[in-house]
Amino acid sequence: MDEKKREILNQVRTGTITAEEGAARLDALAAQAEPPAATATTAPRLGDTSAPTAPAARSVKVLSQFGSAEVVADPTVATAVAEGPHRARVDGGTLVIEHVPFQEEDTFTFGVAGRRIEINGFDFKGRRSLKVRMNPDLPLNASVQAGSFRVDGVHGPITAEVQAGSCIVNDFRGPLNVVAQAGSVTASGCIDSGTSKVRCEMGSIRLNLNKQSSVKITARATMGKVAIEDESGERAIAGPGGKAVTIGSGAATLDIEGMMGHVRISVG
């Protein structure tokens, strides 16, 4: 560890500067010492604020734990660009972006009473958020654990798994494949083609479909509740035996399963 880096860490540990200031100084120090960031064909260093993607990637996968992350549509981007602390790699035809909300290069305990919260070395006030701008027509796969995640304007197929966290999806148009385990998912948009699936285990899912949706919904619940409300306000409640409801001409299919959870579908 060079002398400048050691000095910054000592200042953070003694409370002379905050953890956020320390992180910014370490990032600036690393930027001076390293060559320009590589493209996503090689893994960027931890904490890079921006990393371009490889043109060969045909889908995007975002992994987020304990932090706050968002994905927004940007038609000017070929694949995706990540801003914030992350690692990136290309796996086959998928660009994988892993959110890293905590500093991991150095392990020590520091703090001033009343300023920080630390559990097993994790500083929850020192978390940094991740923002991903991606082409709206590409497929998105997201995994969220104990964090918050937001998706705006992605029109390609969306797959999301949420564990003990929250996920909000706005203006979707492609098929959905959503699993919530002790977490919550709220999504609004249109389903008019393809096969979609929603599964809720000890969590909650709220799906708002617009009037242009055309989908046949099959729902069943085990020790949970699935409610489907159409445009007229008529509600269908699914139990263990299942329930089928058709919206529009039923061009697409949506399979819903609730297990000790609550799923609500509304149209309009």
C-alpha atoms as a PDB file:
ATOM      1  CA  MET A   1       0.000   0.000   0.000  1.00  0.00           C
ATOM      2  CA  ASP A   2       1.564   3.343  -1.023  1.00  0.00           C
ATOM      3  CA  GLU A   3       1.973   6.200   1.419  1.00  0.00           C
ATOM      4  CA  LYS A   4      -0.774   8.425  -0.016  1.00  0.00           C
ATOM      5  CA  LYS A   5      -3.349   5.651   0.181  1.00  0.00           C
ATOM      6  CA  ARG A   6      -2.315   4.784   3.740  1.00  0.00           C
ATOM      7  CA  GLU A   7      -2.672   8.419   4.758  1.00  0.00           C
ATOM      8  CA  ILE A   8      -6.225   8.616   3.354  1.00  0.00           C
ATOM      9  CA  LEU A   9      -7.271   5.441   5.169  1.00  0.00           C
ATOM     10  CA  ASN A  10      -5.808   6.696   8.439  1.00  0.00           C
ATOM     11  CA  GLN A  11      -7.730   9.962   8.072  1.00  0.00           C
ATOM     12  CA  VAL A  12     -10.979   8.036   7.585  1.00  0.00           C
ATOM     13  CA  ARG A  13     -10.259   5.726  10.510  1.00  0.00           C
ATOM     14  CA  THR A  14      -9.564   8.619  12.889  1.00  0.00           C
ATOM     15  CA  GLY A  15     -12.592  10.599  11.716  1.00  0.00           C
ATOM     16  CA  THR A  16     -10.599  13.443  10.169  1.00  0.00           C
ATOM     17  CA  ILE A  17     -12.551  12.959   6.933  1.00  0.00           C
ATOM     18  CA  THR A  18     -15.775  11.069   6.219  1.00  0.00           C
ATOM     19  CA  ALA A  19     -15.931   7.701   4.488  1.00  0.00           C
ATOM     20  CA  GLU A  20     -17.469   9.368   1.423  1.00  0.00           C
ATOM     21  CA  GLU A  21     -14.587  11.850   1.206  1.00  0.00           C
ATOM     22  CA  GLY A  22     -12.114   9.012   1.644  1.00  0.00           C
ATOM     23  CA  ALA A  23     -13.736   6.975  -1.126  1.00  0.00           C
ATOM     24  CA  ALA A  24     -13.633   9.965  -3.482  1.00  0.00           C
ATOM     25  CA  ARG A  25      -9.939  10.579  -2.746  1.00  0.00           C
ATOM     26  CA  LEU A  26      -9.082   6.903  -3.245  1.00  0.00           C
ATOM     27  CA  ASP A  27     -10.937   6.901  -6.578  1.00  0.00           C
ATOM     28  CA  ALA A  28      -9.078  10.034  -7.680  1.00  0.00           C
ATOM     29  CA  LEU A  29      -5.767   8.516  -6.594  1.00  0.00           C
ATOM     30  CA  ALA A  30      -6.453   5.309  -8.510  1.00  0.00           C
ATOM     31  CA  ALA A  31      -7.500   7.262 -11.605  1.00  0.00           C
ATOM     32  CA  GLN A  32      -4.149   9.085 -11.626  1.00  0.00           C
ATOM     33  CA  ALA A  33      -2.181   5.863 -11.281  1.00  0.00           C
ATOM     34  CA  GLU A  34      -4.049   3.705 -13.794  1.00  0.00           C
ATOM     35  CA  PRO A  35      -4.457   3.888 -17.600  1.00  0.00           C
ATOM     36  CA  PRO A  36      -7.872   4.827 -19.089  1.00  0.00           C
ATOM     37  CA  ALA A  37     -10.703   2.410 -18.310  1.00  0.00           C
ATOM     38  CA  ALA A  38     -10.863  -0.641 -20.531  1.00  0.00           C
ATOM     39  CA  THR A  39     -13.943  -1.624 -22.491  1.00  0.00           C
ATOM     40  CA  ALA A  40     -16.291  -4.238 -21.075  1.00  0.00           C
ATOM     41  CA  THR A  41     -14.434  -7.058 -22.815  1.00  0.00           C
ATOM     42  CA  THR A  42     -12.203  -6.897 -19.708  1.00  0.00           C
ATOM     43  CA  ALA A  43     -13.461  -6.393 -16.162  1.00  0.00           C
ATOM     44  CA  PRO A  44     -13.231  -2.725 -15.059  1.00  0.00           C
ATOM     45  CA  ARG A  45     -11.676  -2.000 -11.684  1.00  0.00           C
ATOM     46  CA  LEU A  46     -13.881  -1.803  -8.609  1.00  0.00           C
ATOM     47  CA  GLY A  47     -15.467   1.633  -8.278  1.00  0.00           C
ATOM     48  CA  ASP A  48     -15.221   2.796 -11.885  1.00  0.00           C
ATOM     49  CA  THR A  49     -17.889   5.437 -12.434  1.00  0.00           C
ATOM     50  CA  SER A  50     -18.458   4.590 -16.082  1.00  0.00           C
ATOM     51  CA  ALA A  51     -17.621   1.654 -18.329  1.00  0.00           C
ATOM     52  CA  PRO A  52     -18.622   1.207 -22.001  1.00  0.00           C
ATOM     53  CA  THR A  53     -19.860  -2.146 -23.151  1.00  0.00           C
ATOM     54  CA  ALA A  54     -18.788  -4.595 -25.799  1.00  0.00           C
ATOM     55  CA  PRO A  55     -20.863  -4.300 -28.994  1.00  0.00           C
ATOM     56  CA  ALA A  56     -21.122  -8.118 -29.139  1.00  0.00           C
ATOM     57  CA  ALA A  57     -23.370  -8.275 -26.056  1.00  0.00           C
ATOM     58  CA  ARG A  58     -27.009  -8.976 -26.953  1.00  0.00           C
ATOM     59  CA  SER A  59     -28.566  -8.751 -23.477  1.00  0.00           C
ATOM     60  CA  VAL A  60     -27.919  -7.117 -20.099  1.00  0.00           C
ATOM     61  CA  LYS A  61     -27.830  -8.679 -16.624  1.00  0.00           C
ATOM     62  CA  VAL A  62     -27.685  -6.564 -13.451  1.00  0.00           C
ATOM     63  CA  LEU A  63     -26.844  -8.023 -10.025  1.00  0.00           C
ATOM     64  CA  SER A  64     -27.527  -5.850  -6.973  1.00  0.00           C
ATOM     65  CA  GLN A  65     -27.169  -6.587  -3.245  1.00  0.00           C
ATOM     66  CA  PHE A  66     -27.775  -4.283  -0.266  1.00  0.00           C
ATOM     67  CA  GLY A  67     -27.716  -1.172  -2.420  1.00  0.00           C
ATOM     68  CA  SER A  68     -29.835   1.052  -4.614  1.00  0.00           C
ATOM     69  CA  ALA A  69     -29.700   0.492  -8.373  1.00  0.00           C
ATOM     70  CA  GLU A  70     -31.664   1.711 -11.363  1.00  0.00           C
ATOM     71  CA  VAL A  71     -31.832   0.895 -15.061  1.00  0.00           C
ATOM     72  CA  VAL A  72     -33.091   3.525 -17.494  1.00  0.00           C
ATOM     73  CA  ALA A  73     -33.727   3.236 -21.212  1.00  0.00           C
ATOM     74  CA  ASP A  74     -31.350   5.109 -23.503  1.00  0.00           C
ATOM     75  CA  PRO A  75     -31.776   4.506 -27.262  1.00  0.00           C
ATOM     76  CA  THR A  76     -28.409   6.173 -27.961  1.00  0.00           C
ATOM     77  CA  VAL A  77     -26.568   3.344 -26.178  1.00  0.00           C
ATOM     78  CA  ALA A  78     -25.677   0.233 -28.194  1.00  0.00           C
ATOM     79  CA  THR A  79     -25.837  -2.113 -25.196  1.00  0.00           C
ATOM     80  CA  ALA A  80     -25.417  -0.506 -21.748  1.00  0.00           C
ATOM     81  CA  VAL A  81     -23.277   1.939 -19.798  1.00  0.00           C
ATOM     82  CA  ALA A  82     -22.920   1.698 -16.005  1.00  0.00           C
ATOM     83  CA  GLU A  83     -22.296   4.684 -13.750  1.00  0.00           C
ATOM     84  CA  GLY A  84     -21.313   4.014 -10.149  1.00  0.00           C
ATOM     85  CA  PRO A  85     -19.417   1.284  -8.261  1.00  0.00           C
ATOM     86  CA  HIS A  86     -19.568  -1.944 -10.234  1.00  0.00           C
ATOM     87  CA  ARG A  87     -17.787  -4.806 -11.921  1.00  0.00           C
ATOM     88  CA  ALA A  88     -18.556  -5.711 -15.527  1.00  0.00           C
ATOM     89  CA  ARG A  89     -17.873  -8.687 -17.738  1.00  0.00           C
ATOM     90  CA  VAL A  90     -19.223 -10.259 -20.909  1.00  0.00           C
ATOM     91  CA  ASP A  91     -20.514 -13.803 -20.451  1.00  0.00           C
ATOM     92  CA  GLY A  92     -21.345 -15.260 -23.845  1.00  0.00           C
ATOM     93  CA  GLY A  93     -23.693 -12.729 -25.401  1.00  0.00           C
ATOM     94  CA  THR A  94     -24.666 -11.140 -22.064  1.00  0.00           C
ATOM     95  CA  LEU A  95     -23.137  -8.074 -20.457  1.00  0.00           C
ATOM     96  CA  VAL A  96     -23.122  -8.743 -16.695  1.00  0.00           C
ATOM     97  CA  ILE A  97     -22.981  -5.688 -14.419  1.00  0.00           C
ATOM     98  CA  GLU A  98     -22.514  -6.356 -10.701  1.00  0.00           C
ATOM     99  CA  HIS A  99     -23.304  -3.550  -8.295  1.00  0.00           C
ATOM    100  CA  VAL A 100     -20.631  -3.144  -5.597  1.00  0.00           C
ATOM    101  CA  PRO A 101     -22.089  -0.661  -3.076  1.00  0.00           C
ATOM    102  CA  PHE A 102     -19.337  -1.155  -0.471  1.00  0.00           C
ATOM    103  CA  GLN A 103     -15.602  -0.559  -0.583  1.00  0.00           C
ATOM    104  CA  GLU A 104     -13.850  -3.926  -0.543  1.00  0.00           C
ATOM    105  CA  GLU A 105     -10.186  -3.113  -1.102  1.00  0.00           C
ATOM    106  CA  ASP A 106      -9.399  -2.534   2.591  1.00  0.00           C
ATOM    107  CA  THR A 107     -10.933  -4.140   5.658  1.00  0.00           C
ATOM    108  CA  PHE A 108     -10.926  -2.234   8.916  1.00  0.00           C
ATOM    109  CA  THR A 109     -13.381  -0.794  11.395  1.00  0.00           C
ATOM    110  CA  PHE A 110     -13.731   2.927  11.894  1.00  0.00           C
ATOM    111  CA  GLY A 111     -16.359   5.430  12.899  1.00  0.00           C
ATOM    112  CA  VAL A 112     -17.490   8.239  15.125  1.00  0.00           C
ATOM    113  CA  ALA A 113     -20.442   7.726  17.454  1.00  0.00           C
ATOM    114  CA  GLY A 114     -23.704   8.738  15.803  1.00  0.00           C
ATOM    115  CA  ARG A 115     -22.280   8.965  12.298  1.00  0.00           C
ATOM    116  CA  ARG A 116     -22.096   5.412  11.030  1.00  0.00           C
ATOM    117  CA  ILE A 117     -23.870   2.077  11.160  1.00  0.00           C
ATOM    118  CA  GLU A 118     -21.676  -0.988  10.803  1.00  0.00           C
ATOM    119  CA  ILE A 119     -22.783  -4.634  10.843  1.00  0.00           C
ATOM    120  CA  ASN A 120     -20.191  -7.299  10.162  1.00  0.00           C
ATOM    121  CA  GLY A 121     -18.015  -4.719   8.474  1.00  0.00           C
ATOM    122  CA  PHE A 122     -20.743  -3.284   6.199  1.00  0.00           C
ATOM    123  CA  ASP A 123     -21.222   0.460   6.378  1.00  0.00           C
ATOM    124  CA  PHE A 124     -24.825   0.990   5.282  1.00  0.00           C
ATOM    125  CA  LYS A 125     -24.531   4.789   5.245  1.00  0.00           C
ATOM    126  CA  GLY A 126     -21.533   4.541   2.950  1.00  0.00           C
ATOM    127  CA  ARG A 127     -23.411   2.741   0.176  1.00  0.00           C
ATOM    128  CA  ARG A 128     -23.175   4.171  -3.303  1.00  0.00           C
ATOM    129  CA  SER A 129     -25.877   3.756  -5.923  1.00  0.00           C
ATOM    130  CA  LEU A 130     -25.598   2.304  -9.414  1.00  0.00           C
ATOM    131  CA  LYS A 131     -27.207   3.662 -12.571  1.00  0.00           C
ATOM    132  CA  VAL A 132     -27.282   1.677 -15.801  1.00  0.00           C
ATOM    133  CA  ARG A 133     -28.313   3.186 -19.124  1.00  0.00           C
ATOM    134  CA  MET A 134     -29.228   0.495 -21.635  1.00  0.00           C
ATOM    135  CA  ASN A 135     -30.737   0.089 -25.072  1.00  0.00           C
ATOM    136  CA  PRO A 136     -34.506  -0.259 -24.444  1.00  0.00           C
ATOM    137  CA  ASP A 137     -34.982  -3.056 -26.983  1.00  0.00           C
ATOM    138  CA  LEU A 138     -32.528  -5.512 -25.402  1.00  0.00           C
ATOM    139  CA  PRO A 139     -33.513  -8.212 -22.880  1.00  0.00           C
ATOM    140  CA  LEU A 140     -32.850  -7.375 -19.215  1.00  0.00           C
ATOM    141  CA  ASN A 141     -32.182  -9.883 -16.435  1.00  0.00           C
ATOM    142  CA  ALA A 142     -32.071  -8.484 -12.891  1.00  0.00           C
ATOM    143  CA  SER A 143     -31.312 -10.078  -9.523  1.00  0.00           C
ATOM    144  CA  VAL A 144     -31.992  -8.013  -6.388  1.00  0.00           C
ATOM    145  CA  GLN A 145     -31.164  -9.061  -2.820  1.00  0.00           C
ATOM    146  CA  ALA A 146     -31.948  -6.856   0.191  1.00  0.00           C
ATOM    147  CA  GLY A 147     -31.875  -3.711  -1.891  1.00  0.00           C
ATOM    148  CA  SER A 148     -33.982  -1.435  -4.069  1.00  0.00           C
ATOM    149  CA  PHE A 149     -34.109  -1.649  -7.849  1.00  0.00           C
ATOM    150  CA  ARG A 150     -35.907   0.451 -10.452  1.00  0.00           C
ATOM    151  CA  VAL A 151     -36.370  -0.048 -14.200  1.00  0.00           C
ATOM    152  CA  ASP A 152     -37.730   2.678 -16.500  1.00  0.00           C
ATOM    153  CA  GLY A 153     -38.619   2.347 -20.172  1.00  0.00           C
ATOM    154  CA  VAL A 154     -37.028  -1.017 -21.023  1.00  0.00           C
ATOM    155  CA  HIS A 155     -39.211  -2.581 -23.731  1.00  0.00           C
ATOM    156  CA  GLY A 156     -37.358  -5.848 -24.290  1.00  0.00           C
ATOM    157  CA  PRO A 157     -38.140  -8.997 -22.262  1.00  0.00           C
ATOM    158  CA  ILE A 158     -37.554  -8.481 -18.528  1.00  0.00           C
ATOM    159  CA  THR A 159     -36.613 -11.189 -16.038  1.00  0.00           C
ATOM    160  CA  ALA A 160     -36.384 -10.149 -12.388  1.00  0.00           C
ATOM    161  CA  GLU A 161     -35.754 -12.080  -9.168  1.00  0.00           C
ATOM    162  CA  VAL A 162     -36.232 -10.139  -5.936  1.00  0.00           C
ATOM    163  CA  GLN A 163     -35.252 -11.532  -2.524  1.00  0.00           C
ATOM    164  CA  ALA A 164     -35.974  -9.424   0.574  1.00  0.00           C
ATOM    165  CA  GLY A 165     -35.862  -6.304  -1.559  1.00  0.00           C
ATOM    166  CA  SER A 166     -38.038  -4.083  -3.718  1.00  0.00           C
ATOM    167  CA  CYS A 167     -38.313  -3.688  -7.478  1.00  0.00           C
ATOM    168  CA  ILE A 168     -40.274  -1.125  -9.515  1.00  0.00           C
ATOM    169  CA  VAL A 169     -40.684  -1.529 -13.286  1.00  0.00           C
ATOM    170  CA  ASN A 170     -42.246   1.282 -15.333  1.00  0.00           C
ATOM    171  CA  ASP A 171     -43.366   1.285 -18.981  1.00  0.00           C
ATOM    172  CA  PHE A 172     -42.522  -2.323 -19.840  1.00  0.00           C
ATOM    173  CA  ARG A 173     -43.726  -3.720 -23.173  1.00  0.00           C
ATOM    174  CA  GLY A 174     -42.027  -7.079 -23.509  1.00  0.00           C
ATOM    175  CA  PRO A 175     -42.779 -10.357 -21.737  1.00  0.00           C
ATOM    176  CA  LEU A 176     -42.186 -10.463 -17.967  1.00  0.00           C
ATOM    177  CA  ASN A 177     -40.723 -13.243 -15.850  1.00  0.00           C
ATOM    178  CA  VAL A 178     -40.831 -12.098 -12.226  1.00  0.00           C
ATOM    179  CA  VAL A 179     -40.121 -13.943  -8.968  1.00  0.00           C
ATOM    180  CA  ALA A 180     -40.546 -12.267  -5.563  1.00  0.00           C
ATOM    181  CA  GLN A 181     -39.321 -14.079  -2.440  1.00  0.00           C
ATOM    182  CA  ALA A 182     -40.053 -12.118   0.738  1.00  0.00           C
ATOM    183  CA  GLY A 183     -39.828  -9.030  -1.436  1.00  0.00           C
ATOM    184  CA  SER A 184     -42.067  -6.652  -3.352  1.00  0.00           C
ATOM    185  CA  VAL A 185     -42.463  -5.995  -7.069  1.00  0.00           C
ATOM    186  CA  THR A 186     -44.552  -3.231  -8.663  1.00  0.00           C
ATOM    187  CA  ALA A 187     -44.749  -3.159 -12.460  1.00  0.00           C
ATOM    188  CA  SER A 188     -46.781  -1.151 -14.971  1.00  0.00           C
ATOM    189  CA  GLY A 189     -46.924  -1.490 -18.731  1.00  0.00           C
ATOM    190  CA  CYS A 190     -48.291  -3.610 -21.550  1.00  0.00           C
ATOM    191  CA  ILE A 191     -48.397  -7.341 -22.274  1.00  0.00           C
ATOM    192  CA  ASP A 192     -49.610  -8.173 -25.782  1.00  0.00           C
ATOM    193  CA  SER A 193     -47.241 -10.883 -27.004  1.00  0.00           C
ATOM    194  CA  GLY A 194     -45.153 -13.792 -25.796  1.00  0.00           C
ATOM    195  CA  THR A 195     -45.258 -15.782 -22.576  1.00  0.00           C
ATOM    196  CA  SER A 196     -45.025 -14.110 -19.167  1.00  0.00           C
ATOM    197  CA  LYS A 197     -44.799 -15.619 -15.692  1.00  0.00           C
ATOM    198  CA  VAL A 198     -45.186 -14.159 -12.199  1.00  0.00           C
ATOM    199  CA  ARG A 199     -44.370 -16.088  -9.017  1.00  0.00           C
ATOM    200  CA  CYS A 200     -44.725 -14.751  -5.492  1.00  0.00           C
ATOM    201  CA  GLU A 201     -43.421 -16.516  -2.373  1.00  0.00           C
ATOM    202  CA  MET A 202     -44.086 -14.740   0.934  1.00  0.00           C
ATOM    203  CA  GLY A 203     -43.979 -11.394  -0.818  1.00  0.00           C
ATOM    204  CA  SER A 204     -46.155  -9.058  -2.835  1.00  0.00           C
ATOM    205  CA  ILE A 205     -46.509  -8.327  -6.532  1.00  0.00           C
ATOM    206  CA  ARG A 206     -48.646  -5.585  -8.055  1.00  0.00           C
ATOM    207  CA  LEU A 207     -49.006  -5.568 -11.836  1.00  0.00           C
ATOM    208  CA  ASN A 208     -50.792  -2.716 -13.632  1.00  0.00           C
ATOM    209  CA  LEU A 209     -51.602  -3.448 -17.289  1.00  0.00           C
ATOM    210  CA  ASN A 210     -52.650  -0.698 -19.683  1.00  0.00           C
ATOM    211  CA  LYS A 211     -55.716  -0.865 -21.934  1.00  0.00           C
ATOM    212  CA  GLN A 212     -53.680  -1.996 -24.945  1.00  0.00           C
ATOM    213  CA  SER A 213     -52.797  -5.276 -23.242  1.00  0.00           C
ATOM    214  CA  SER A 214     -54.003  -8.498 -24.840  1.00  0.00           C
ATOM    215  CA  VAL A 215     -53.351 -11.460 -22.592  1.00  0.00           C
ATOM    216  CA  LYS A 216     -54.890 -14.623 -21.224  1.00  0.00           C
ATOM    217  CA  ILE A 217     -54.200 -14.815 -17.488  1.00  0.00           C
ATOM    218  CA  THR A 218     -54.084 -18.079 -15.572  1.00  0.00           C
ATOM    219  CA  ALA A 219     -53.752 -17.672 -11.816  1.00  0.00           C
ATOM    220  CA  ARG A 220     -53.616 -19.935  -8.776  1.00  0.00           C
ATOM    221  CA  ALA A 221     -52.868 -19.377  -5.107  1.00  0.00           C
ATOM    222  CA  THR A 222     -51.704 -21.621  -2.253  1.00  0.00           C
ATOM    223  CA  MET A 223     -52.077 -20.069   1.199  1.00  0.00           C
ATOM    224  CA  GLY A 224     -51.984 -16.713  -0.531  1.00  0.00           C
ATOM    225  CA  LYS A 225     -54.149 -14.384  -2.580  1.00  0.00           C
ATOM    226  CA  VAL A 226     -54.298 -13.532  -6.270  1.00  0.00           C
ATOM    227  CA  ALA A 227     -56.758 -10.801  -7.303  1.00  0.00           C
ATOM    228  CA  ILE A 228     -57.394  -9.797 -10.928  1.00  0.00           C
ATOM    229  CA  GLU A 229     -59.367  -6.621 -11.618  1.00  0.00           C
ATOM    230  CA  ASP A 230     -60.371  -5.795 -15.195  1.00  0.00           C
ATOM    231  CA  GLU A 231     -61.142  -2.404 -16.737  1.00  0.00           C
ATOM    232  CA  SER A 232     -64.793  -2.520 -15.642  1.00  0.00           C
ATOM    233  CA  GLY A 233     -63.764  -3.013 -12.027  1.00  0.00           C
ATOM    234  CA  GLU A 234     -64.895  -6.627 -11.891  1.00  0.00           C
ATOM    235  CA  ARG A 235     -62.597  -8.686  -9.705  1.00  0.00           C
ATOM    236  CA  ALA A 236     -61.662 -12.361  -9.881  1.00  0.00           C
ATOM    237  CA  ILE A 237     -60.050 -14.086  -6.917  1.00  0.00           C
ATOM    238  CA  ALA A 238     -57.904 -17.144  -7.594  1.00  0.00           C
ATOM    239  CA  GLY A 239     -57.646 -20.012  -5.131  1.00  0.00           C
ATOM    240  CA  PRO A 240     -55.886 -23.398  -5.193  1.00  0.00           C
ATOM    241  CA  GLY A 241     -58.124 -24.511  -8.075  1.00  0.00           C
ATOM    242  CA  GLY A 242     -56.967 -21.658 -10.279  1.00  0.00           C
ATOM    243  CA  LYS A 243     -58.720 -18.951 -12.264  1.00  0.00           C
ATOM    244  CA  ALA A 244     -58.551 -17.866 -15.910  1.00  0.00           C
ATOM    245  CA  VAL A 245     -59.232 -14.331 -17.144  1.00  0.00           C
ATOM    246  CA  THR A 246     -58.805 -12.965 -20.670  1.00  0.00           C
ATOM    247  CA  ILE A 247     -57.891  -9.338 -21.325  1.00  0.00           C
ATOM    248  CA  GLY A 248     -58.524  -8.120 -24.868  1.00  0.00           C
ATOM    249  CA  SER A 249     -58.168 -10.868 -27.464  1.00  0.00           C
ATOM    250  CA  GLY A 250     -55.747 -12.873 -25.320  1.00  0.00           C
ATOM    251  CA  ALA A 251     -52.812 -12.775 -27.739  1.00  0.00           C
ATOM    252  CA  ALA A 252     -50.240 -13.291 -24.971  1.00  0.00           C
ATOM    253  CA  THR A 253     -50.219 -15.576 -21.929  1.00  0.00           C
ATOM    254  CA  LEU A 254     -49.521 -14.748 -18.284  1.00  0.00           C
ATOM    255  CA  ASP A 255     -49.148 -17.467 -15.653  1.00  0.00           C
ATOM    256  CA  ILE A 256     -49.431 -16.347 -12.022  1.00  0.00           C
ATOM    257  CA  GLU A 257     -48.637 -18.376  -8.922  1.00  0.00           C
ATOM    258  CA  GLY A 258     -48.976 -17.086  -5.376  1.00  0.00           C
ATOM    259  CA  MET A 259     -47.603 -19.056  -2.420  1.00  0.00           C
ATOM    260  CA  MET A 260     -48.112 -17.402   0.959  1.00  0.00           C
ATOM    261  CA  GLY A 261     -47.969 -14.116  -0.906  1.00  0.00           C
ATOM    262  CA  HIS A 262     -50.220 -11.445  -2.370  1.00  0.00           C
ATOM    263  CA  VAL A 263     -50.550 -10.787  -6.113  1.00  0.00           C
ATOM    264  CA  ARG A 264     -52.788  -8.077  -7.554  1.00  0.00           C
ATOM    265  CA  ILE A 265     -53.375  -7.512 -11.273  1.00  0.00           C
ATOM    266  CA  SER A 266     -55.283  -4.451 -12.504  1.00  0.00           C
ATOM    267  CA  VAL A 267     -56.175  -3.282 -16.015  1.00  0.00           C
ATOM    268  CA  GLY A 268     -56.848   0.273 -17.096  1.00  0.00           C
END
